[in-house]
């Protein structure tokens, strides 16, 4: 026996953790008795920006094939009409990923650099494809030759360097696409470079689809997995993002052609930021006072305040910027407005919110309400008996001032769309 043979599991362990040092493994077990998958170890939620590996265990990789497709979705809702003056230019809650990178208009050079990175990704992909064809039905556990050849092709020293190159190349292409997106919006339509930029942008978007489908990472992972034991398989890797990550999974016995499982696995995200809208009802302790005149003496009238409750119920909406402590609980700051059907006043609202729910939300909100409210002018006469004015004044002199008060709101959003 080769002296290195007992060390192969350790070598694999080092390589695997060098590539996926912070990755959490999610295991799906194959039950050969019932010819089905067991999902008891699936987590209820996944942490935002953390990397995960879906792994199929207790299988014979010689005759089990796995196909997966990753998607990530946000829950999107349109901007309520009452908030349009506050959130100018924002049509809906889909704003978390729209911060654009600046561009120096060097798009042609940028494209060549991006294609150079794509060539490296293709070399990784080709190495994986070639070795798959070679070992499709005859796996060779512990075979280090394909990774050795790939390191030589890329001019790199180790598997970790290949993994870093893959991630760097993918990120460069994705960043380049954001730069093109910005340039297309800013370049003059008469500029002859516009057609070139559009063509290059379309090409990179095609590559982006391949990156997002994970084909390059899958190829490298396959080469690494070829050195491991045959009783488990990596299904896919994903970074938890947006509100939910969905994996469409198909597991097939390639020897018999029988489909073991086909369906969707959903992983709800937490520990990320979310921007959402809710509408509902608001209680405020700041209302506009009503005054009336009553006889004081031959020359003056008392100015008296109507005895009405200092309570207002209004209808409005809030925009929430919240931190998601769990998939069904968020807390953060909110800004919005409400309109009172009683005094017709528009109140601007700012405060804190607690949101409960996943695709459908119920919010409990508290904060400060600002409103222009009519009150007696500073020139109104006053003595120990109260406010008064001359009888020849037929109306009470009031001015509008911005006043603040407390608000409490109960809001909801039941119309979010998955996008």
Foldseek 3Di string as FASTA:
>chain_A
DDPCVVVLVVVLVVLVCLLQVQEAEQEWEQDPVVLAIDRPRPDQADAFQGKYWYKYFQAQQLFKDKDKFKDAWAWKDADDPQCCVVDPPDGIFPPPPQDFDEAPPPLVVLLVVLVVLVVLLVLLLVLLVVVCVVCNNPFDAQDCVSVVVNCVVVVHDDSSVSSVSNVVSLVSLVNSLRNLVVCLVPDDPPDPCNVVSVVSSVVSVVVNVVVNRPSSVVSSQSSSCSNDDRRMGTRHMDGDDHFKMKMFMWMARNVVRDTSDTDIDIHGYAQAKGKHKWWFKKKWLADAWDWDWADDDPWKTAIDTDPDHSMFMWIWMKIFTWHGHDQFKTKGKIWIWTATPPPRWIKTWIFMWIWGGHSKTKIKTKGKIKTWHKDADPPFDADPVGTMDTPVDPDGHIGTDIDMTMMITIIIDDDTDID
